[in-house]
Amino acid sequence: METQERRSVRRMPINLQLVVLATAPNGQEFYEVTNSINISSRGVYFPISQRVDDQREIEVSVIPPGDVAGMLHFRFKARGRVVRLESPETPQNSVCLAIKFTEPIQPV
């Protein structure tokens, strides 16, 4: 039996470098560089080594890959809310976050 896709926007399995600005459960702000697992116009899914509370607002900057960086002289940035936390089996004990954008992606 087929399962019906609940998402209204297709996710693209693209590995893009991200800079994440978030707040840990202890209230301490941190930056982390990571890579996307997939991305859409409404959100992004990526691993992160630090813990972040569910429903927390975070900022994500997308760094263009090197082969287009010469043509693009800016990054893309958006704020989003954590909508899902997953703990995959990884040696780094990272957590994967699903972020739903709360504002449109903007060039910076």
N, C-alpha and C. Protein backbone atom coordinates (compact mmCIF):
# COMPACT_ATOMS: atom_id res chain seq x y z
N MET A 1 0.83 -1.17 0.00
CA MET A 1 0.00 0.00 0.00
C MET A 1 0.89 1.25 0.00
N GLU A 2 0.57 2.21 -0.88
CA GLU A 2 1.35 3.43 -0.95
C GLU A 2 0.98 4.39 0.16
N THR A 3 2.00 5.09 0.67
CA THR A 3 1.71 6.13 1.65
C THR A 3 1.61 7.45 0.92
N GLN A 4 0.70 8.28 1.35
CA GLN A 4 0.48 9.56 0.71
C GLN A 4 1.46 10.59 1.26
N GLU A 5 2.07 11.35 0.37
CA GLU A 5 3.00 12.41 0.76
C GLU A 5 2.20 13.55 1.38
N ARG A 6 2.60 13.97 2.60
CA ARG A 6 1.90 15.04 3.31
C ARG A 6 2.44 16.41 2.96
N ARG A 7 3.63 16.46 2.42
CA ARG A 7 4.25 17.75 2.14
C ARG A 7 3.70 18.34 0.85
N SER A 8 3.45 19.66 0.87
CA SER A 8 2.93 20.34 -0.31
C SER A 8 4.04 20.83 -1.22
N VAL A 9 5.29 20.81 -0.75
CA VAL A 9 6.43 21.26 -1.53
C VAL A 9 7.47 20.14 -1.55
N ARG A 10 8.01 19.88 -2.71
CA ARG A 10 8.99 18.80 -2.85
C ARG A 10 10.32 19.17 -2.19
N ARG A 11 10.86 18.24 -1.43
CA ARG A 11 12.19 18.41 -0.83
C ARG A 11 13.24 17.95 -1.83
N MET A 12 14.34 18.71 -1.91
CA MET A 12 15.43 18.38 -2.83
C MET A 12 16.61 17.85 -2.01
N PRO A 13 17.11 16.66 -2.33
CA PRO A 13 18.25 16.11 -1.58
C PRO A 13 19.55 16.78 -2.01
N ILE A 14 19.78 17.99 -1.49
CA ILE A 14 20.94 18.79 -1.88
C ILE A 14 21.82 19.02 -0.65
N ASN A 15 23.12 18.83 -0.85
CA ASN A 15 24.10 19.03 0.21
C ASN A 15 24.66 20.44 0.07
N LEU A 16 24.15 21.39 0.87
CA LEU A 16 24.62 22.77 0.86
C LEU A 16 25.21 23.11 2.23
N GLN A 17 26.26 23.91 2.22
CA GLN A 17 26.84 24.34 3.49
C GLN A 17 25.91 25.35 4.15
N LEU A 18 25.70 25.17 5.46
CA LEU A 18 24.83 26.04 6.25
C LEU A 18 25.60 26.61 7.44
N VAL A 19 25.25 27.82 7.82
CA VAL A 19 25.71 28.38 9.08
C VAL A 19 24.45 28.57 9.91
N VAL A 20 24.40 27.93 11.07
CA VAL A 20 23.22 27.94 11.93
C VAL A 20 23.51 28.79 13.16
N LEU A 21 22.62 29.72 13.46
CA LEU A 21 22.67 30.50 14.69
C LEU A 21 21.48 30.06 15.52
N ALA A 22 21.75 29.52 16.69
CA ALA A 22 20.67 28.97 17.52
C ALA A 22 20.98 29.22 18.99
N THR A 23 20.03 28.85 19.83
CA THR A 23 20.19 28.96 21.28
C THR A 23 20.05 27.56 21.88
N ALA A 24 21.03 27.18 22.66
CA ALA A 24 21.02 25.89 23.35
C ALA A 24 20.00 25.91 24.48
N PRO A 25 19.60 24.74 24.98
CA PRO A 25 18.65 24.69 26.09
C PRO A 25 19.08 25.50 27.32
N ASN A 26 20.40 25.71 27.51
CA ASN A 26 20.87 26.49 28.66
C ASN A 26 20.81 28.00 28.41
N GLY A 27 20.31 28.41 27.23
CA GLY A 27 20.17 29.83 26.91
C GLY A 27 21.37 30.43 26.21
N GLN A 28 22.43 29.65 26.01
CA GLN A 28 23.65 30.13 25.36
C GLN A 28 23.49 30.10 23.83
N GLU A 29 23.73 31.25 23.17
CA GLU A 29 23.71 31.28 21.71
C GLU A 29 24.96 30.62 21.16
N PHE A 30 24.82 29.96 20.00
CA PHE A 30 25.97 29.36 19.34
C PHE A 30 25.80 29.38 17.83
N TYR A 31 26.94 29.33 17.14
CA TYR A 31 26.99 29.15 15.69
C TYR A 31 27.51 27.75 15.42
N GLU A 32 27.02 27.16 14.33
CA GLU A 32 27.58 25.89 13.90
C GLU A 32 27.52 25.81 12.39
N VAL A 33 28.59 25.32 11.78
CA VAL A 33 28.62 25.09 10.34
C VAL A 33 28.28 23.63 10.12
N THR A 34 27.34 23.36 9.21
CA THR A 34 26.90 22.01 8.91
C THR A 34 26.51 21.96 7.44
N ASN A 35 25.94 20.85 7.00
CA ASN A 35 25.48 20.69 5.62
C ASN A 35 24.05 20.19 5.60
N SER A 36 23.30 20.68 4.63
CA SER A 36 21.91 20.24 4.50
C SER A 36 21.84 18.79 4.03
N ILE A 37 20.79 18.11 4.45
CA ILE A 37 20.47 16.78 3.92
C ILE A 37 19.46 16.96 2.79
N ASN A 38 18.46 17.82 3.04
CA ASN A 38 17.54 18.21 1.99
C ASN A 38 16.98 19.59 2.30
N ILE A 39 16.42 20.22 1.28
CA ILE A 39 15.93 21.59 1.42
C ILE A 39 14.76 21.80 0.47
N SER A 40 13.85 22.68 0.86
CA SER A 40 12.74 23.09 0.00
C SER A 40 12.51 24.58 0.20
N SER A 41 11.54 25.13 -0.47
CA SER A 41 11.24 26.55 -0.29
C SER A 41 10.62 26.83 1.07
N ARG A 42 10.20 25.78 1.77
CA ARG A 42 9.56 25.96 3.07
C ARG A 42 10.37 25.50 4.26
N GLY A 43 11.52 24.87 4.02
CA GLY A 43 12.30 24.40 5.16
C GLY A 43 13.57 23.68 4.76
N VAL A 44 14.29 23.24 5.77
CA VAL A 44 15.56 22.55 5.56
C VAL A 44 15.75 21.50 6.66
N TYR A 45 16.47 20.43 6.31
CA TYR A 45 16.74 19.32 7.23
C TYR A 45 18.25 19.12 7.26
N PHE A 46 18.84 19.10 8.47
CA PHE A 46 20.29 19.04 8.60
C PHE A 46 20.69 18.48 9.95
N PRO A 47 21.92 17.92 10.04
CA PRO A 47 22.45 17.47 11.34
C PRO A 47 23.10 18.63 12.08
N ILE A 48 23.09 18.55 13.38
CA ILE A 48 23.73 19.56 14.22
C ILE A 48 24.26 18.86 15.47
N SER A 49 25.42 19.27 15.96
CA SER A 49 26.03 18.56 17.09
C SER A 49 25.53 19.06 18.44
N GLN A 50 25.00 20.27 18.50
CA GLN A 50 24.51 20.81 19.76
C GLN A 50 23.00 20.59 19.87
N ARG A 51 22.54 20.51 21.10
CA ARG A 51 21.11 20.32 21.34
C ARG A 51 20.36 21.63 21.18
N VAL A 52 19.17 21.55 20.60
CA VAL A 52 18.28 22.69 20.43
C VAL A 52 16.89 22.22 20.82
N ASP A 53 16.16 23.04 21.55
CA ASP A 53 14.80 22.68 21.96
C ASP A 53 13.85 22.63 20.77
N ASP A 54 12.89 21.71 20.83
CA ASP A 54 11.82 21.65 19.85
C ASP A 54 11.05 22.98 19.88
N GLN A 55 10.61 23.43 18.73
CA GLN A 55 9.86 24.68 18.56
C GLN A 55 10.72 25.94 18.70
N ARG A 56 12.02 25.79 18.87
CA ARG A 56 12.93 26.94 19.03
C ARG A 56 13.09 27.64 17.68
N GLU A 57 13.15 28.97 17.70
CA GLU A 57 13.43 29.77 16.51
C GLU A 57 14.94 29.80 16.28
N ILE A 58 15.37 29.58 15.05
CA ILE A 58 16.79 29.65 14.73
C ILE A 58 16.97 30.37 13.39
N GLU A 59 18.21 30.74 13.11
CA GLU A 59 18.54 31.40 11.85
C GLU A 59 19.46 30.49 11.06
N VAL A 60 19.19 30.34 9.77
CA VAL A 60 19.99 29.49 8.90
C VAL A 60 20.47 30.32 7.72
N SER A 61 21.79 30.32 7.47
CA SER A 61 22.35 30.95 6.28
C SER A 61 22.84 29.84 5.36
N VAL A 62 22.50 29.95 4.08
CA VAL A 62 22.91 28.98 3.07
C VAL A 62 24.10 29.58 2.32
N ILE A 63 25.22 28.85 2.30
CA ILE A 63 26.43 29.29 1.61
C ILE A 63 26.43 28.65 0.23
N PRO A 64 26.50 29.44 -0.85
CA PRO A 64 26.51 28.84 -2.20
C PRO A 64 27.72 27.93 -2.38
N PRO A 65 27.57 26.86 -3.14
CA PRO A 65 28.71 25.97 -3.39
C PRO A 65 29.79 26.70 -4.18
N GLY A 66 31.02 26.22 -4.09
CA GLY A 66 32.16 26.87 -4.72
C GLY A 66 32.01 27.08 -6.21
N ASP A 67 31.35 26.14 -6.92
CA ASP A 67 31.25 26.28 -8.36
C ASP A 67 30.31 27.39 -8.81
N VAL A 68 29.46 27.90 -7.91
CA VAL A 68 28.61 29.04 -8.26
C VAL A 68 28.93 30.26 -7.40
N ALA A 69 29.80 30.12 -6.43
CA ALA A 69 30.11 31.23 -5.53
C ALA A 69 30.66 32.43 -6.29
N GLY A 70 31.39 32.19 -7.38
CA GLY A 70 31.91 33.30 -8.17
C GLY A 70 30.81 34.09 -8.86
N MET A 71 29.70 33.43 -9.13
CA MET A 71 28.57 34.09 -9.79
C MET A 71 27.61 34.71 -8.77
N LEU A 72 27.58 34.15 -7.58
CA LEU A 72 26.69 34.64 -6.53
C LEU A 72 27.54 35.31 -5.46
N HIS A 73 27.36 36.57 -5.27
CA HIS A 73 28.17 37.30 -4.29
C HIS A 73 27.40 37.54 -3.00
N PHE A 74 26.52 36.62 -2.65
CA PHE A 74 25.74 36.75 -1.43
C PHE A 74 25.32 35.37 -0.95
N ARG A 75 24.88 35.32 0.26
CA ARG A 75 24.31 34.11 0.86
C ARG A 75 22.80 34.28 0.91
N PHE A 76 22.14 33.21 1.28
CA PHE A 76 20.71 33.26 1.53
C PHE A 76 20.50 33.02 3.02
N LYS A 77 19.57 33.72 3.62
CA LYS A 77 19.33 33.59 5.05
C LYS A 77 17.83 33.54 5.31
N ALA A 78 17.45 32.77 6.32
CA ALA A 78 16.04 32.71 6.74
C ALA A 78 15.97 32.32 8.21
N ARG A 79 14.90 32.75 8.85
CA ARG A 79 14.61 32.30 10.21
C ARG A 79 13.60 31.17 10.08
N GLY A 80 13.69 30.26 11.03
CA GLY A 80 12.78 29.12 11.01
C GLY A 80 12.55 28.60 12.41
N ARG A 81 11.63 27.66 12.50
CA ARG A 81 11.27 27.05 13.78
C ARG A 81 11.52 25.55 13.68
N VAL A 82 12.10 24.99 14.72
CA VAL A 82 12.35 23.55 14.77
C VAL A 82 11.00 22.83 14.86
N VAL A 83 10.71 21.98 13.88
CA VAL A 83 9.45 21.24 13.89
C VAL A 83 9.66 19.75 14.13
N ARG A 84 10.92 19.29 14.02
CA ARG A 84 11.20 17.88 14.30
C ARG A 84 12.65 17.70 14.67
N LEU A 85 12.90 16.87 15.67
CA LEU A 85 14.24 16.48 16.10
C LEU A 85 14.36 14.97 15.92
N GLU A 86 15.44 14.53 15.33
CA GLU A 86 15.68 13.09 15.18
C GLU A 86 17.09 12.79 15.64
N SER A 87 17.28 11.66 16.26
CA SER A 87 18.61 11.24 16.71
C SER A 87 19.05 10.01 15.93
N PRO A 88 19.63 10.22 14.74
CA PRO A 88 20.11 9.07 13.97
C PRO A 88 21.34 8.46 14.61
N GLU A 89 21.63 7.25 14.25
CA GLU A 89 22.83 6.58 14.75
C GLU A 89 24.04 7.15 14.02
N THR A 90 24.74 8.07 14.67
CA THR A 90 25.93 8.65 14.06
C THR A 90 27.05 8.64 15.09
N PRO A 91 28.29 8.53 14.62
CA PRO A 91 29.41 8.52 15.57
C PRO A 91 29.58 9.86 16.27
N GLN A 92 29.09 10.96 15.67
CA GLN A 92 29.25 12.28 16.26
C GLN A 92 28.14 12.61 17.27
N ASN A 93 27.21 11.71 17.48
CA ASN A 93 26.06 11.95 18.37
C ASN A 93 25.30 13.21 17.99
N SER A 94 25.21 13.47 16.69
CA SER A 94 24.49 14.64 16.23
C SER A 94 22.98 14.38 16.25
N VAL A 95 22.24 15.47 16.15
CA VAL A 95 20.79 15.42 16.06
C VAL A 95 20.43 16.03 14.71
N CYS A 96 19.44 15.49 14.04
CA CYS A 96 18.98 16.08 12.80
C CYS A 96 17.76 16.93 13.11
N LEU A 97 17.77 18.18 12.60
CA LEU A 97 16.68 19.11 12.81
C LEU A 97 15.93 19.33 11.51
N ALA A 98 14.61 19.35 11.60
CA ALA A 98 13.76 19.78 10.50
C ALA A 98 13.29 21.18 10.88
N ILE A 99 13.58 22.14 10.03
CA ILE A 99 13.25 23.54 10.26
C ILE A 99 12.19 23.95 9.26
N LYS A 100 11.13 24.56 9.74
CA LYS A 100 10.13 25.17 8.85
C LYS A 100 10.41 26.66 8.85
N PHE A 101 10.63 27.23 7.65
CA PHE A 101 10.92 28.65 7.56
C PHE A 101 9.71 29.46 8.03
N THR A 102 9.97 30.47 8.85
CA THR A 102 8.91 31.35 9.34
C THR A 102 8.90 32.68 8.59
N GLU A 103 9.85 32.84 7.69
CA GLU A 103 9.92 34.03 6.83
C GLU A 103 10.54 33.58 5.51
N PRO A 104 10.32 34.33 4.43
CA PRO A 104 10.92 33.95 3.15
C PRO A 104 12.44 33.97 3.20
N ILE A 105 13.06 33.14 2.39
CA ILE A 105 14.50 33.13 2.26
C ILE A 105 14.91 34.43 1.59
N GLN A 106 15.90 35.12 2.17
CA GLN A 106 16.35 36.42 1.68
C GLN A 106 17.84 36.37 1.33
N PRO A 107 18.25 37.03 0.24
CA PRO A 107 19.69 37.17 0.00
C PRO A 107 20.28 38.18 0.99
N VAL A 108 21.52 37.93 1.42
CA VAL A 108 22.21 38.86 2.33
C VAL A 108 23.57 39.22 1.76
